[in-house]
């Protein structure tokens, strides 16, 4: 049984109210930018994007469809990307000639997303852009152009609001910073 989340929390980085306010702003910007556009598709990258995407899509006023991809570059129990990207679940719909907006929970090195972008660009979308809730820009190893960013954060291990710690705590309404000492004790 994993420890209670509050035993692992160092501090709340982004509270629920701040998250929802920023997501509303992102939805308004996306709605403006895609006004009059047909065939907008949001592509959520599982599993971390689920909460963000469900809240974001309710703030987008232009018609759009959704689909999901399950991509991994992490092994079981591994907390840093291995760089070996595997597609566990691919899109169910064609993106040819569609305006595609990838919805991500967090981007750090950019290596995984770089490979996802290459894979999706080969499928000839009308446009391909990225919306991320969190950007760990200081960890970037490859250049990634972000069209929409919720928050730029420091290089801290965060959890909650879709982000997990060993597959737990995604349900928290805020984003918290993990206390490294507590994680070591819990291991």
N, C-alpha and C. Protein backbone atom coordinates (compact mmCIF):
# COMPACT_ATOMS: atom_id res chain seq x y z
N UNK A 1 0.84 -1.18 0.00
CA UNK A 1 0.00 0.00 0.00
C UNK A 1 0.89 1.24 0.00
N UNK A 2 0.65 2.16 -0.92
CA UNK A 2 1.48 3.39 -0.95
C UNK A 2 1.14 4.29 0.24
N UNK A 3 2.08 5.11 0.63
CA UNK A 3 1.80 6.04 1.73
C UNK A 3 0.78 7.08 1.31
N UNK A 4 0.15 7.72 2.27
CA UNK A 4 -0.79 8.80 1.99
C UNK A 4 -0.05 9.93 1.29
N UNK A 5 -0.73 10.59 0.35
CA UNK A 5 -0.09 11.65 -0.43
C UNK A 5 0.51 12.73 0.44
N UNK A 6 -0.16 13.07 1.54
CA UNK A 6 0.35 14.16 2.38
C UNK A 6 1.65 13.79 3.10
N UNK A 7 1.97 12.50 3.16
CA UNK A 7 3.25 12.08 3.72
C UNK A 7 4.39 12.26 2.72
N UNK A 8 4.04 12.43 1.45
CA UNK A 8 5.03 12.58 0.39
C UNK A 8 5.18 14.02 -0.09
N UNK A 9 4.25 14.87 0.32
CA UNK A 9 4.19 16.24 -0.18
C UNK A 9 5.17 17.16 0.55
N UNK A 10 6.02 17.82 -0.24
CA UNK A 10 6.88 18.87 0.32
C UNK A 10 6.08 20.17 0.40
N UNK A 11 5.45 20.54 -0.74
CA UNK A 11 4.58 21.72 -0.78
C UNK A 11 3.73 21.70 -2.03
N UNK A 12 2.62 22.43 -1.99
CA UNK A 12 1.76 22.58 -3.15
C UNK A 12 2.39 23.62 -4.07
N UNK A 13 2.65 23.23 -5.29
CA UNK A 13 3.27 24.13 -6.26
C UNK A 13 2.20 24.98 -6.96
N UNK A 14 1.12 24.33 -7.39
CA UNK A 14 0.04 25.04 -8.09
C UNK A 14 -1.28 24.53 -7.52
N UNK A 15 -2.02 25.42 -6.87
CA UNK A 15 -3.28 25.00 -6.25
C UNK A 15 -4.37 24.84 -7.29
N UNK A 16 -5.49 24.21 -6.89
CA UNK A 16 -6.58 23.88 -7.81
C UNK A 16 -7.17 25.12 -8.47
N UNK A 17 -7.34 26.19 -7.72
CA UNK A 17 -7.94 27.41 -8.28
C UNK A 17 -7.04 28.02 -9.35
N UNK A 18 -5.75 28.06 -9.09
CA UNK A 18 -4.79 28.61 -10.06
C UNK A 18 -4.75 27.75 -11.31
N UNK A 19 -4.79 26.42 -11.14
CA UNK A 19 -4.83 25.51 -12.29
C UNK A 19 -6.03 25.80 -13.17
N UNK A 20 -7.21 25.87 -12.56
CA UNK A 20 -8.43 26.06 -13.34
C UNK A 20 -8.48 27.43 -14.01
N UNK A 21 -7.96 28.43 -13.35
CA UNK A 21 -7.92 29.77 -13.96
C UNK A 21 -7.03 29.76 -15.21
N UNK A 22 -5.87 29.14 -15.10
CA UNK A 22 -4.95 29.09 -16.24
C UNK A 22 -5.50 28.23 -17.38
N UNK A 23 -6.16 27.14 -17.06
CA UNK A 23 -6.75 26.28 -18.08
C UNK A 23 -7.84 27.03 -18.83
N UNK A 24 -8.60 27.84 -18.13
CA UNK A 24 -9.62 28.68 -18.78
C UNK A 24 -8.95 29.64 -19.77
N UNK A 25 -7.84 30.25 -19.36
CA UNK A 25 -7.11 31.16 -20.24
C UNK A 25 -6.58 30.43 -21.47
N UNK A 26 -6.06 29.22 -21.27
CA UNK A 26 -5.56 28.42 -22.40
C UNK A 26 -6.71 28.09 -23.36
N UNK A 27 -7.85 27.69 -22.82
CA UNK A 27 -9.02 27.38 -23.64
C UNK A 27 -9.48 28.58 -24.46
N UNK A 28 -9.44 29.75 -23.85
CA UNK A 28 -9.82 30.98 -24.57
C UNK A 28 -8.85 31.27 -25.71
N UNK A 29 -7.55 31.10 -25.44
CA UNK A 29 -6.54 31.35 -26.48
C UNK A 29 -6.67 30.35 -27.63
N UNK A 30 -6.87 29.10 -27.30
CA UNK A 30 -7.03 28.07 -28.34
C UNK A 30 -8.29 28.35 -29.15
N UNK A 31 -9.37 28.72 -28.48
CA UNK A 31 -10.63 29.04 -29.17
C UNK A 31 -10.46 30.20 -30.13
N UNK A 32 -9.71 31.23 -29.72
CA UNK A 32 -9.43 32.37 -30.60
C UNK A 32 -8.60 31.94 -31.80
N UNK A 33 -7.53 31.20 -31.51
CA UNK A 33 -6.59 30.81 -32.57
C UNK A 33 -7.20 29.85 -33.59
N UNK A 34 -8.13 29.03 -33.17
CA UNK A 34 -8.74 28.04 -34.07
C UNK A 34 -10.15 28.44 -34.51
N UNK A 35 -10.56 29.67 -34.24
CA UNK A 35 -11.88 30.14 -34.68
C UNK A 35 -11.99 30.01 -36.19
N UNK A 36 -13.07 29.43 -36.65
CA UNK A 36 -13.28 29.26 -38.08
C UNK A 36 -12.56 28.07 -38.68
N UNK A 37 -11.78 27.37 -37.87
CA UNK A 37 -11.03 26.21 -38.33
C UNK A 37 -11.92 24.97 -38.27
N UNK A 38 -11.85 24.19 -39.30
CA UNK A 38 -12.56 22.91 -39.28
C UNK A 38 -11.56 21.81 -38.96
N UNK A 39 -12.09 20.72 -38.47
CA UNK A 39 -11.29 19.51 -38.24
C UNK A 39 -10.24 19.64 -37.15
N UNK A 40 -10.53 20.38 -36.08
CA UNK A 40 -9.60 20.43 -34.95
C UNK A 40 -9.72 19.13 -34.17
N UNK A 41 -8.57 18.53 -33.87
CA UNK A 41 -8.53 17.32 -33.05
C UNK A 41 -7.54 17.52 -31.92
N UNK A 42 -7.99 17.27 -30.71
CA UNK A 42 -7.09 17.26 -29.56
C UNK A 42 -6.61 15.83 -29.38
N UNK A 43 -5.30 15.67 -29.25
CA UNK A 43 -4.71 14.35 -29.04
C UNK A 43 -4.06 14.35 -27.67
N UNK A 44 -4.68 13.64 -26.74
CA UNK A 44 -4.14 13.54 -25.39
C UNK A 44 -3.12 12.42 -25.30
N UNK A 45 -2.02 12.72 -24.62
CA UNK A 45 -1.00 11.70 -24.40
C UNK A 45 -1.26 11.09 -23.02
N UNK A 46 -1.62 9.81 -23.04
CA UNK A 46 -1.98 9.10 -21.81
C UNK A 46 -0.76 8.78 -20.96
N UNK A 47 -0.93 8.68 -19.71
CA UNK A 47 -2.12 8.80 -18.91
C UNK A 47 -2.20 10.19 -18.28
N UNK A 48 -1.08 10.85 -18.21
CA UNK A 48 -0.99 12.09 -17.46
C UNK A 48 -1.86 13.22 -17.93
N UNK A 49 -2.22 13.25 -19.21
CA UNK A 49 -2.98 14.38 -19.75
C UNK A 49 -4.48 14.31 -19.49
N UNK A 50 -4.98 13.22 -18.94
CA UNK A 50 -6.42 12.99 -18.86
C UNK A 50 -7.15 14.10 -18.12
N UNK A 51 -6.73 14.46 -16.92
CA UNK A 51 -7.43 15.51 -16.17
C UNK A 51 -7.32 16.85 -16.88
N UNK A 52 -6.11 17.20 -17.32
CA UNK A 52 -5.89 18.46 -18.01
C UNK A 52 -6.73 18.53 -19.28
N UNK A 53 -6.73 17.48 -20.08
CA UNK A 53 -7.47 17.51 -21.33
C UNK A 53 -8.97 17.61 -21.08
N UNK A 54 -9.48 16.89 -20.10
CA UNK A 54 -10.92 16.95 -19.86
C UNK A 54 -11.34 18.35 -19.41
N UNK A 55 -10.53 19.00 -18.60
CA UNK A 55 -10.85 20.38 -18.19
C UNK A 55 -10.63 21.36 -19.34
N UNK A 56 -9.56 21.16 -20.11
CA UNK A 56 -9.25 22.06 -21.22
C UNK A 56 -10.33 22.02 -22.30
N UNK A 57 -10.77 20.83 -22.68
CA UNK A 57 -11.74 20.72 -23.77
C UNK A 57 -13.07 21.37 -23.41
N UNK A 58 -13.39 21.45 -22.14
CA UNK A 58 -14.62 22.14 -21.73
C UNK A 58 -14.49 23.65 -21.83
N UNK A 59 -13.26 24.14 -21.95
CA UNK A 59 -13.02 25.58 -22.09
C UNK A 59 -12.85 26.00 -23.55
N UNK A 60 -12.74 25.05 -24.45
CA UNK A 60 -12.57 25.35 -25.87
C UNK A 60 -13.95 25.44 -26.52
N UNK A 61 -14.22 26.57 -27.13
CA UNK A 61 -15.56 26.82 -27.68
C UNK A 61 -15.72 26.45 -29.14
N UNK A 62 -14.64 26.15 -29.84
CA UNK A 62 -14.75 25.73 -31.24
C UNK A 62 -14.98 24.22 -31.29
N UNK A 63 -15.72 23.75 -32.29
CA UNK A 63 -15.95 22.30 -32.41
C UNK A 63 -14.62 21.55 -32.57
N UNK A 64 -14.53 20.44 -31.88
CA UNK A 64 -13.31 19.63 -31.96
C UNK A 64 -13.64 18.19 -31.59
N UNK A 65 -12.77 17.30 -32.03
CA UNK A 65 -12.86 15.90 -31.64
C UNK A 65 -11.63 15.59 -30.79
N UNK A 66 -11.65 14.41 -30.20
CA UNK A 66 -10.51 14.01 -29.36
C UNK A 66 -10.08 12.60 -29.71
N UNK A 67 -8.83 12.32 -29.42
CA UNK A 67 -8.29 10.98 -29.54
C UNK A 67 -7.13 10.90 -28.56
N UNK A 68 -6.61 9.71 -28.37
CA UNK A 68 -5.53 9.51 -27.40
C UNK A 68 -4.44 8.62 -27.97
N UNK A 69 -3.24 8.85 -27.45
CA UNK A 69 -2.10 7.96 -27.69
C UNK A 69 -1.53 7.61 -26.32
N UNK A 70 -1.06 6.39 -26.21
CA UNK A 70 -0.36 5.98 -25.00
C UNK A 70 1.08 5.73 -25.41
N UNK A 71 1.95 6.59 -24.92
CA UNK A 71 3.37 6.56 -25.27
C UNK A 71 4.15 6.37 -23.97
N UNK A 72 5.19 5.59 -24.03
CA UNK A 72 6.02 5.47 -22.84
C UNK A 72 7.49 5.56 -23.20
N UNK A 73 8.23 6.19 -22.31
CA UNK A 73 9.69 6.17 -22.40
C UNK A 73 10.25 5.90 -21.02
N UNK A 74 9.38 5.37 -20.15
CA UNK A 74 9.76 5.06 -18.78
C UNK A 74 9.55 3.57 -18.55
N UNK A 75 10.47 2.95 -17.85
CA UNK A 75 10.27 1.57 -17.44
C UNK A 75 9.50 1.54 -16.13
N UNK A 76 9.07 0.37 -15.71
CA UNK A 76 8.34 0.23 -14.46
C UNK A 76 9.24 0.65 -13.30
N UNK A 77 8.73 1.54 -12.47
CA UNK A 77 9.49 2.01 -11.32
C UNK A 77 10.59 3.00 -11.65
N UNK A 78 10.70 3.38 -12.92
CA UNK A 78 11.74 4.32 -13.35
C UNK A 78 11.15 5.72 -13.36
N UNK A 79 11.86 6.69 -12.81
CA UNK A 79 11.33 8.04 -12.69
C UNK A 79 11.96 9.02 -13.64
N UNK A 80 12.83 8.53 -14.52
CA UNK A 80 13.39 9.38 -15.57
C UNK A 80 13.28 8.64 -16.89
N UNK A 81 13.05 9.40 -17.94
CA UNK A 81 12.87 8.82 -19.27
C UNK A 81 14.12 8.05 -19.69
N UNK A 82 13.88 6.89 -20.31
CA UNK A 82 14.99 6.09 -20.83
C UNK A 82 15.38 6.56 -22.22
N UNK A 83 14.49 7.33 -22.87
CA UNK A 83 14.73 7.78 -24.24
C UNK A 83 14.25 6.78 -25.27
N UNK A 84 13.89 5.57 -24.82
CA UNK A 84 13.36 4.52 -25.70
C UNK A 84 11.85 4.67 -25.74
N UNK A 85 11.34 5.30 -26.79
CA UNK A 85 9.91 5.60 -26.90
C UNK A 85 9.17 4.45 -27.55
N UNK A 86 8.09 4.03 -26.90
CA UNK A 86 7.24 2.97 -27.43
C UNK A 86 5.81 3.47 -27.49
N UNK A 87 5.12 3.16 -28.59
CA UNK A 87 3.70 3.48 -28.73
C UNK A 87 2.92 2.28 -28.21
N UNK A 88 2.25 2.46 -27.08
CA UNK A 88 1.46 1.38 -26.49
C UNK A 88 0.04 1.36 -27.05
N UNK A 89 -0.47 2.54 -27.41
CA UNK A 89 -1.79 2.65 -28.04
C UNK A 89 -1.73 3.81 -29.03
N UNK A 90 -2.10 3.54 -30.26
CA UNK A 90 -2.05 4.55 -31.30
C UNK A 90 -3.43 5.20 -31.46
N UNK A 91 -3.46 6.26 -32.26
CA UNK A 91 -4.72 6.96 -32.54
C UNK A 91 -5.70 6.02 -33.23
N UNK A 92 -6.98 6.25 -32.99
CA UNK A 92 -8.02 5.47 -33.65
C UNK A 92 -8.51 6.16 -34.92
N UNK A 93 -8.20 7.44 -35.08
CA UNK A 93 -8.68 8.23 -36.22
C UNK A 93 -7.51 8.73 -37.05
N UNK A 94 -7.77 8.96 -38.32
CA UNK A 94 -6.77 9.55 -39.21
C UNK A 94 -6.62 11.04 -38.88
N UNK A 95 -5.40 11.54 -38.96
CA UNK A 95 -5.17 12.97 -38.75
C UNK A 95 -4.82 13.68 -40.06
N UNK A 96 -4.87 12.97 -41.15
CA UNK A 96 -4.54 13.59 -42.45
C UNK A 96 -5.46 14.79 -42.69
N UNK A 97 -4.85 15.94 -42.99
CA UNK A 97 -5.55 17.20 -43.27
C UNK A 97 -6.34 17.74 -42.08
N UNK A 98 -6.04 17.28 -40.87
CA UNK A 98 -6.71 17.78 -39.67
C UNK A 98 -5.77 18.73 -38.93
N UNK A 99 -6.34 19.64 -38.20
CA UNK A 99 -5.56 20.51 -37.31
C UNK A 99 -5.44 19.79 -35.98
N UNK A 100 -4.23 19.39 -35.65
CA UNK A 100 -3.99 18.54 -34.47
C UNK A 100 -3.30 19.35 -33.39
N UNK A 101 -3.86 19.27 -32.19
CA UNK A 101 -3.26 19.90 -31.01
C UNK A 101 -2.96 18.80 -30.00
N UNK A 102 -1.68 18.53 -29.83
CA UNK A 102 -1.25 17.54 -28.84
C UNK A 102 -1.40 18.16 -27.46
N UNK A 103 -2.02 17.42 -26.56
CA UNK A 103 -2.23 17.88 -25.18
C UNK A 103 -1.39 17.01 -24.26
N UNK A 104 -0.43 17.64 -23.60
CA UNK A 104 0.52 16.95 -22.72
C UNK A 104 0.40 17.48 -21.30
N UNK A 105 0.72 16.64 -20.34
CA UNK A 105 0.73 17.08 -18.95
C UNK A 105 2.02 17.83 -18.62
N UNK A 106 3.15 17.27 -19.06
CA UNK A 106 4.44 17.87 -18.69
C UNK A 106 5.47 17.54 -19.77
N UNK A 107 6.34 18.50 -20.04
CA UNK A 107 7.44 18.29 -20.99
C UNK A 107 8.72 18.65 -20.28
N UNK A 108 9.67 17.72 -20.29
CA UNK A 108 10.97 18.05 -19.71
C UNK A 108 12.06 17.94 -20.77
N UNK A 109 12.66 16.79 -20.99
CA UNK A 109 13.76 16.71 -21.95
C UNK A 109 13.28 17.00 -23.38
N UNK A 110 12.05 16.63 -23.68
CA UNK A 110 11.52 16.83 -25.03
C UNK A 110 11.77 15.66 -25.96
N UNK A 111 12.56 14.69 -25.51
CA UNK A 111 12.91 13.56 -26.39
C UNK A 111 11.70 12.74 -26.80
N UNK A 112 10.81 12.44 -25.86
CA UNK A 112 9.62 11.65 -26.18
C UNK A 112 8.73 12.41 -27.16
N UNK A 113 8.47 13.66 -26.86
CA UNK A 113 7.58 14.45 -27.71
C UNK A 113 8.18 14.69 -29.09
N UNK A 114 9.48 14.81 -29.18
CA UNK A 114 10.13 14.97 -30.48
C UNK A 114 9.81 13.76 -31.37
N UNK A 115 9.87 12.58 -30.80
CA UNK A 115 9.57 11.38 -31.58
C UNK A 115 8.09 11.29 -31.92
N UNK A 116 7.22 11.69 -31.00
CA UNK A 116 5.78 11.71 -31.27
C UNK A 116 5.48 12.68 -32.40
N UNK A 117 6.10 13.85 -32.37
CA UNK A 117 5.89 14.85 -33.42
C UNK A 117 6.29 14.28 -34.79
N UNK A 118 7.44 13.63 -34.86
CA UNK A 118 7.89 13.03 -36.12
C UNK A 118 6.90 11.99 -36.63
N UNK A 119 6.41 11.17 -35.73
CA UNK A 119 5.45 10.14 -36.08
C UNK A 119 4.16 10.77 -36.63
N UNK A 120 3.66 11.80 -35.97
CA UNK A 120 2.41 12.43 -36.39
C UNK A 120 2.59 13.30 -37.63
N UNK A 121 3.72 13.98 -37.77
CA UNK A 121 3.98 14.78 -38.98
C UNK A 121 3.96 13.92 -40.23
N UNK A 122 4.42 12.68 -40.12
CA UNK A 122 4.43 11.76 -41.27
C UNK A 122 3.02 11.41 -41.73
N UNK A 123 2.04 11.66 -40.89
CA UNK A 123 0.64 11.34 -41.22
C UNK A 123 -0.07 12.53 -41.88
N UNK A 124 0.65 13.56 -42.20
CA UNK A 124 0.20 14.71 -42.98
C UNK A 124 -1.00 15.48 -42.40
N UNK A 125 -0.88 15.94 -41.15
CA UNK A 125 -1.94 16.80 -40.62
C UNK A 125 -1.87 18.18 -41.28
N UNK A 126 -2.97 18.92 -41.27
CA UNK A 126 -2.97 20.29 -41.80
C UNK A 126 -2.07 21.17 -40.94
N UNK A 127 -2.10 20.94 -39.63
CA UNK A 127 -1.20 21.62 -38.71
C UNK A 127 -1.00 20.73 -37.50
N UNK A 128 0.10 20.95 -36.80
CA UNK A 128 0.44 20.14 -35.63
C UNK A 128 1.09 21.04 -34.60
N UNK A 129 0.41 21.22 -33.47
CA UNK A 129 0.92 22.09 -32.41
C UNK A 129 0.82 21.37 -31.07
N UNK A 130 1.47 21.97 -30.07
CA UNK A 130 1.53 21.35 -28.74
C UNK A 130 0.98 22.30 -27.69
N UNK A 131 0.19 21.74 -26.80
CA UNK A 131 -0.28 22.44 -25.60
C UNK A 131 0.15 21.61 -24.41
N UNK A 132 0.92 22.20 -23.50
CA UNK A 132 1.34 21.48 -22.31
C UNK A 132 0.92 22.23 -21.06
N UNK A 133 0.56 21.51 -20.05
CA UNK A 133 0.23 22.14 -18.78
C UNK A 133 1.49 22.63 -18.09
N UNK A 134 2.51 21.78 -18.05
CA UNK A 134 3.76 22.11 -17.36
C UNK A 134 4.94 21.98 -18.30
N UNK A 135 5.86 22.91 -18.17
CA UNK A 135 7.08 22.91 -18.97
C UNK A 135 8.28 23.04 -18.06
N UNK A 136 9.09 21.98 -18.01
CA UNK A 136 10.37 22.03 -17.29
C UNK A 136 11.44 22.44 -18.30
N UNK A 137 11.40 23.70 -18.69
CA UNK A 137 12.25 24.21 -19.78
C UNK A 137 13.73 24.01 -19.51
N UNK A 138 14.16 24.10 -18.27
CA UNK A 138 15.59 23.97 -17.97
C UNK A 138 16.12 22.56 -18.20
N UNK A 139 15.23 21.59 -18.35
CA UNK A 139 15.65 20.20 -18.62
C UNK A 139 15.66 19.86 -20.11
N UNK A 140 15.29 20.80 -20.95
CA UNK A 140 15.15 20.53 -22.39
C UNK A 140 16.47 20.09 -22.99
N UNK A 141 16.42 18.97 -23.70
CA UNK A 141 17.57 18.43 -24.41
C UNK A 141 17.43 18.58 -25.91
N UNK A 142 16.20 18.67 -26.39
CA UNK A 142 15.93 18.87 -27.81
C UNK A 142 14.94 20.03 -27.94
N UNK A 143 15.07 20.81 -29.00
CA UNK A 143 14.15 21.95 -29.14
C UNK A 143 12.73 21.47 -29.46
N UNK A 144 11.78 21.98 -28.71
CA UNK A 144 10.36 21.67 -28.91
C UNK A 144 9.62 23.00 -28.92
N UNK A 145 8.87 23.26 -29.98
CA UNK A 145 8.09 24.49 -30.06
C UNK A 145 6.72 24.26 -29.42
N UNK A 146 6.46 25.03 -28.37
CA UNK A 146 5.19 24.92 -27.66
C UNK A 146 4.27 26.07 -28.05
N UNK A 147 3.07 25.75 -28.50
CA UNK A 147 2.11 26.78 -28.88
C UNK A 147 1.40 27.34 -27.65
N UNK A 148 1.17 26.47 -26.65
CA UNK A 148 0.44 26.87 -25.45
C UNK A 148 1.09 26.20 -24.25
N UNK A 149 1.39 27.02 -23.25
CA UNK A 149 2.02 26.52 -22.03
C UNK A 149 1.26 27.04 -20.82
N UNK A 150 0.90 26.12 -19.94
CA UNK A 150 0.22 26.51 -18.71
C UNK A 150 1.17 27.18 -17.75
N UNK A 151 2.21 26.46 -17.35
CA UNK A 151 3.16 26.95 -16.36
C UNK A 151 4.56 26.44 -16.69
N UNK A 152 5.55 27.31 -16.56
CA UNK A 152 6.95 26.89 -16.61
C UNK A 152 7.35 26.65 -15.16
N UNK A 153 7.88 25.45 -14.91
CA UNK A 153 8.24 25.10 -13.53
C UNK A 153 9.71 24.71 -13.43
N UNK A 154 10.21 24.73 -12.21
CA UNK A 154 11.59 24.31 -11.94
C UNK A 154 11.69 22.80 -12.07
N UNK A 155 12.91 22.32 -12.09
CA UNK A 155 13.18 20.89 -12.20
C UNK A 155 12.98 20.21 -10.84
N UNK A 156 11.73 20.02 -10.49
CA UNK A 156 11.34 19.32 -9.26
C UNK A 156 10.43 18.17 -9.67
N UNK A 157 10.43 17.10 -8.88
CA UNK A 157 9.52 15.99 -9.15
C UNK A 157 8.15 16.37 -8.62
N UNK A 158 7.17 16.44 -9.53
CA UNK A 158 5.83 16.89 -9.16
C UNK A 158 4.82 15.75 -9.35
N UNK A 159 3.72 15.85 -8.63
CA UNK A 159 2.66 14.86 -8.74
C UNK A 159 1.31 15.52 -8.48
N UNK A 160 0.25 14.80 -8.86
CA UNK A 160 -1.10 15.32 -8.71
C UNK A 160 -1.61 15.86 -10.03
N UNK A 161 -2.91 16.05 -10.11
CA UNK A 161 -3.60 16.55 -11.29
C UNK A 161 -3.13 15.84 -12.57
N UNK A 162 -3.18 14.51 -12.53
CA UNK A 162 -2.81 13.70 -13.68
C UNK A 162 -1.41 13.13 -13.62
N UNK A 163 -0.52 13.80 -12.91
CA UNK A 163 0.86 13.32 -12.81
C UNK A 163 0.96 12.33 -11.65
N UNK A 164 1.65 11.23 -11.90
CA UNK A 164 1.67 10.17 -10.90
C UNK A 164 3.01 10.03 -10.20
N UNK A 165 2.95 9.28 -9.13
CA UNK A 165 4.14 8.75 -8.47
C UNK A 165 3.88 7.25 -8.40
N UNK A 166 4.57 6.49 -9.22
CA UNK A 166 4.37 5.04 -9.31
C UNK A 166 2.90 4.68 -9.53
N UNK A 167 2.24 5.43 -10.42
CA UNK A 167 0.85 5.23 -10.85
C UNK A 167 -0.20 5.66 -9.82
N UNK A 168 0.19 6.28 -8.74
CA UNK A 168 -0.76 6.76 -7.74
C UNK A 168 -0.81 8.29 -7.73
N UNK A 169 -1.83 8.83 -7.11
CA UNK A 169 -1.99 10.26 -6.79
C UNK A 169 -2.36 11.13 -7.98
N UNK A 170 -2.73 10.56 -9.11
CA UNK A 170 -3.15 11.37 -10.26
C UNK A 170 -4.42 12.16 -9.96
N UNK A 171 -5.20 11.70 -9.01
CA UNK A 171 -6.51 12.27 -8.70
C UNK A 171 -6.46 13.55 -7.88
N UNK A 172 -5.32 13.95 -7.40
CA UNK A 172 -5.23 15.15 -6.57
C UNK A 172 -5.59 16.39 -7.39
N UNK A 173 -6.31 17.35 -6.80
CA UNK A 173 -6.76 18.53 -7.55
C UNK A 173 -5.69 19.61 -7.71
N UNK A 174 -4.51 19.38 -7.20
CA UNK A 174 -3.41 20.35 -7.25
C UNK A 174 -2.16 19.64 -7.74
N UNK A 175 -1.13 20.44 -8.01
CA UNK A 175 0.18 19.89 -8.36
C UNK A 175 1.11 20.17 -7.19
N UNK A 176 1.66 19.10 -6.66
CA UNK A 176 2.54 19.22 -5.51
C UNK A 176 3.95 18.78 -5.84
N UNK A 177 4.88 19.26 -5.04
CA UNK A 177 6.28 18.86 -5.15
C UNK A 177 6.52 17.75 -4.14
N UNK A 178 7.15 16.70 -4.59
CA UNK A 178 7.43 15.55 -3.73
C UNK A 178 8.62 15.86 -2.83
N UNK A 179 8.49 15.47 -1.59
CA UNK A 179 9.58 15.55 -0.62
C UNK A 179 10.52 14.37 -0.92
N UNK A 180 11.71 14.62 -1.45
CA UNK A 180 12.60 13.50 -1.82
C UNK A 180 12.91 12.57 -0.65
N UNK A 181 13.04 13.11 0.55
CA UNK A 181 13.34 12.28 1.72
C UNK A 181 12.18 11.33 2.02
N UNK A 182 10.96 11.78 1.83
CA UNK A 182 9.79 10.94 2.09
C UNK A 182 9.69 9.81 1.08
N UNK A 183 10.06 10.08 -0.18
CA UNK A 183 10.01 9.04 -1.21
C UNK A 183 11.05 7.96 -0.91
N UNK A 184 12.22 8.36 -0.48
CA UNK A 184 13.28 7.41 -0.13
C UNK A 184 12.82 6.53 1.03
N UNK A 185 12.20 7.15 2.05
CA UNK A 185 11.70 6.38 3.21
C UNK A 185 10.60 5.41 2.80
N UNK A 186 9.74 5.81 1.84
CA UNK A 186 8.62 4.99 1.42
C UNK A 186 9.05 3.84 0.52
N UNK A 187 10.24 3.91 -0.07
CA UNK A 187 10.70 2.87 -1.00
C UNK A 187 11.05 1.58 -0.32
